[in-house]
Amino acid sequence: MLLQEEIYHKLKKSITYGELSPGQKLSEIALANEMNVSRTPIREAFRQLQMEGYITVSPNKGAYVNKLPPEEIEEIYNIVGLLEGYAAELAAKKINNSELEELRKIQKRLVFFASRNRYRDYIKGNTDFHYFITCLGGNNHLIKINTELRTRIYRYRLMSVTIPGYLERYA
């Protein structure tokens, strides 16, 4: 993997999982020093992240992690809901007993995490649950699109489960 790709994936992961917050300024110099690289691969990663909507780079102002407006988050949730409904329909036609048992195991872990307010574990398990169902349908394009959309809203999903009372309905 190219250095620029490694930096891109690291930054995207940091944005996705909330290590870099919406609105946070990104310094090419600081990141280059932290990652022990020149500024060139940082700039290349910034270009790709900007094309995908994760950051905004403004001349003379620098780079910032994008904030998703509530309307965009709602739009993404609506699309994910439609895609996952279709994925569940496809999965229902193909699922076997061992796969159904695996879904039950994941669901039990979700209840356990919810009962202990283990937010990050719950979101990871929830993501695994939905990904597993989507994969059962066997539509690779659906898997790719749904995964990317869920990645875009991951940090907001994590914030939502920390709202008092949210996880209690699962415990």
Protein backbone atom coordinates (compact mmCIF):
# COMPACT_ATOMS: atom_id res chain seq x y z
CA MET A 1 0.00 0.00 0.00
CA LEU A 2 1.28 3.45 -0.86
CA LEU A 3 2.18 5.86 1.92
CA GLN A 4 -0.54 8.30 0.81
CA GLU A 5 -3.13 5.49 0.97
CA GLU A 6 -2.02 4.51 4.47
CA ILE A 7 -2.33 8.11 5.63
CA TYR A 8 -5.71 8.45 3.91
CA HIS A 9 -7.03 5.32 5.64
CA LYS A 10 -5.65 6.40 9.01
CA LEU A 11 -7.24 9.86 8.76
CA LYS A 12 -10.55 8.48 7.47
CA LYS A 13 -10.64 6.00 10.35
CA SER A 14 -9.85 8.78 12.84
CA ILE A 15 -12.71 10.88 11.44
CA THR A 16 -15.12 7.94 11.30
CA TYR A 17 -14.49 6.81 14.87
CA GLY A 18 -14.54 10.30 16.34
CA GLU A 19 -10.86 10.65 17.17
CA LEU A 20 -10.96 13.75 14.95
CA SER A 21 -14.07 15.78 15.75
CA PRO A 22 -16.41 17.57 13.35
CA GLY A 23 -15.08 21.09 12.86
CA GLN A 24 -11.59 20.20 14.05
CA LYS A 25 -8.73 21.88 12.17
CA LEU A 26 -6.22 19.56 10.56
CA SER A 27 -2.65 20.80 10.30
CA GLU A 28 -0.54 19.41 7.48
CA ILE A 29 2.62 20.22 9.41
CA ALA A 30 1.46 18.66 12.68
CA LEU A 31 0.18 15.51 10.93
CA ALA A 32 3.38 15.21 8.90
CA ASN A 33 5.44 15.46 12.07
CA GLU A 34 3.19 13.03 13.96
CA MET A 35 3.34 10.47 11.14
CA ASN A 36 7.00 11.16 10.38
CA VAL A 37 6.35 11.89 6.69
CA SER A 38 6.62 14.86 4.36
CA ARG A 39 3.61 17.08 3.73
CA THR A 40 3.08 15.69 0.21
CA PRO A 41 1.32 12.43 1.21
CA ILE A 42 -0.73 14.40 3.75
CA ARG A 43 -1.88 16.78 0.98
CA GLU A 44 -2.74 13.83 -1.27
CA ALA A 45 -4.77 12.19 1.50
CA PHE A 46 -6.50 15.54 2.14
CA ARG A 47 -7.50 15.73 -1.54
CA GLN A 48 -9.08 12.30 -1.43
CA LEU A 49 -10.85 12.97 1.88
CA GLN A 50 -12.17 16.25 0.50
CA MET A 51 -13.48 14.54 -2.66
CA GLU A 52 -15.34 12.08 -0.44
CA GLY A 53 -16.78 14.84 1.75
CA TYR A 54 -14.93 14.03 4.97
CA ILE A 55 -12.98 17.29 5.13
CA THR A 56 -12.96 20.77 3.62
CA VAL A 57 -9.72 22.37 2.50
CA SER A 58 -9.78 26.14 2.02
CA PRO A 59 -6.87 28.19 0.69
CA ASN A 60 -5.30 30.28 3.45
CA LYS A 61 -7.61 28.71 6.06
CA GLY A 62 -6.49 25.11 6.10
CA ALA A 63 -8.34 21.82 6.41
CA TYR A 64 -11.24 21.03 8.71
CA VAL A 65 -13.20 17.88 9.49
CA ASN A 66 -16.66 18.29 7.98
CA LYS A 67 -19.74 18.48 10.12
CA LEU A 68 -22.71 16.68 8.65
CA PRO A 69 -25.84 18.79 8.83
CA PRO A 70 -28.79 17.06 10.53
CA GLU A 71 -30.66 16.95 7.22
CA GLU A 72 -27.83 15.02 5.57
CA ILE A 73 -27.64 12.58 8.48
CA GLU A 74 -31.39 12.00 8.19
CA GLU A 75 -31.10 11.47 4.43
CA ILE A 76 -28.34 8.90 4.93
CA TYR A 77 -30.34 7.09 7.64
CA ASN A 78 -33.34 6.95 5.28
CA ILE A 79 -31.26 5.49 2.47
CA VAL A 80 -29.58 2.99 4.80
CA GLY A 81 -33.03 1.93 6.03
CA LEU A 82 -34.17 1.22 2.49
CA LEU A 83 -30.97 -0.61 1.58
CA GLU A 84 -31.05 -2.72 4.72
CA GLY A 85 -34.69 -3.59 4.18
CA TYR A 86 -33.75 -4.89 0.75
CA ALA A 87 -30.70 -6.66 2.21
CA ALA A 88 -32.91 -8.37 4.80
CA GLU A 89 -35.28 -9.49 2.04
CA LEU A 90 -32.38 -11.01 0.10
CA ALA A 91 -30.92 -12.58 3.26
CA ALA A 92 -34.25 -14.13 4.25
CA LYS A 93 -34.28 -16.06 0.97
CA LYS A 94 -30.78 -17.49 1.50
CA ILE A 95 -30.12 -17.80 5.24
CA ASN A 96 -29.33 -21.22 6.67
CA ASN A 97 -29.55 -22.46 10.27
CA SER A 98 -25.90 -21.79 11.18
CA GLU A 99 -26.14 -18.22 9.84
CA LEU A 100 -29.35 -17.69 11.78
CA GLU A 101 -27.60 -18.92 14.92
CA GLU A 102 -24.74 -16.47 14.28
CA LEU A 103 -27.26 -13.62 14.08
CA ARG A 104 -28.71 -14.74 17.42
CA LYS A 105 -25.23 -14.72 18.99
CA ILE A 106 -24.57 -11.20 17.72
CA GLN A 107 -27.97 -10.09 19.06
CA LYS A 108 -27.18 -11.55 22.49
CA ARG A 109 -23.90 -9.62 22.55
CA LEU A 110 -25.82 -6.45 21.67
CA VAL A 111 -28.15 -6.97 24.64
CA PHE A 112 -25.15 -7.59 26.89
CA PHE A 113 -23.35 -4.42 25.71
CA ALA A 114 -26.52 -2.36 26.02
CA SER A 115 -27.16 -3.58 29.57
CA ARG A 116 -23.68 -2.40 30.58
CA ASN A 117 -23.68 0.86 28.60
CA ARG A 118 -20.70 -0.30 26.57
CA TYR A 119 -21.38 2.21 23.81
CA ARG A 120 -18.48 1.53 21.46
CA ASP A 121 -18.93 -2.24 21.77
CA TYR A 122 -22.65 -1.86 21.14
CA ILE A 123 -22.12 0.22 17.99
CA LYS A 124 -19.47 -2.20 16.72
CA GLY A 125 -21.79 -5.15 17.38
CA ASN A 126 -24.72 -3.36 15.77
CA THR A 127 -22.57 -2.62 12.73
CA ASP A 128 -21.49 -6.28 12.59
CA PHE A 129 -25.13 -7.40 12.84
CA HIS A 130 -26.26 -5.24 9.93
CA TYR A 131 -23.17 -6.03 7.87
CA PHE A 132 -23.74 -9.76 8.37
CA ILE A 133 -27.34 -9.48 7.16
CA THR A 134 -26.26 -7.40 4.16
CA CYS A 135 -23.57 -9.97 3.28
CA LEU A 136 -26.07 -12.81 3.49
CA GLY A 137 -27.92 -11.29 0.56
CA GLY A 138 -24.85 -11.76 -1.63
CA ASN A 139 -25.11 -8.45 -3.49
CA ASN A 140 -21.60 -6.98 -3.53
CA HIS A 141 -22.68 -3.55 -4.72
CA LEU A 142 -25.26 -3.33 -1.96
CA ILE A 143 -22.59 -4.32 0.60
CA LYS A 144 -20.19 -1.65 -0.65
CA ILE A 145 -22.74 1.18 -0.81
CA ASN A 146 -24.32 0.36 2.54
CA THR A 147 -20.93 0.04 4.25
CA GLU A 148 -19.81 3.44 2.95
CA LEU A 149 -23.03 5.13 4.05
CA ARG A 150 -22.84 3.56 7.51
CA THR A 151 -19.20 4.67 7.75
CA ARG A 152 -20.23 8.27 6.97
CA ILE A 153 -22.62 8.36 9.93
CA TYR A 154 -20.72 6.13 12.38
CA ARG A 155 -19.60 8.99 14.62
CA TYR A 156 -23.17 10.26 14.85
CA ARG A 157 -24.49 6.80 15.65
CA LEU A 158 -21.97 6.59 18.49
CA MET A 159 -23.15 9.94 19.84
CA SER A 160 -26.81 8.88 19.63
CA VAL A 161 -26.38 5.73 21.74
CA THR A 162 -24.94 7.78 24.59
CA ILE A 163 -28.23 9.68 24.95
CA PRO A 164 -29.77 8.63 28.28
CA GLY A 165 -32.43 5.98 27.74
CA TYR A 166 -31.34 5.02 24.22
CA LEU A 167 -29.75 1.68 25.09
CA GLU A 168 -32.24 0.75 27.82
CA ARG A 169 -34.75 -0.41 25.23
CA TYR A 170 -32.21 -3.05 24.09
CA ALA A 171 -31.12 -4.28 27.50
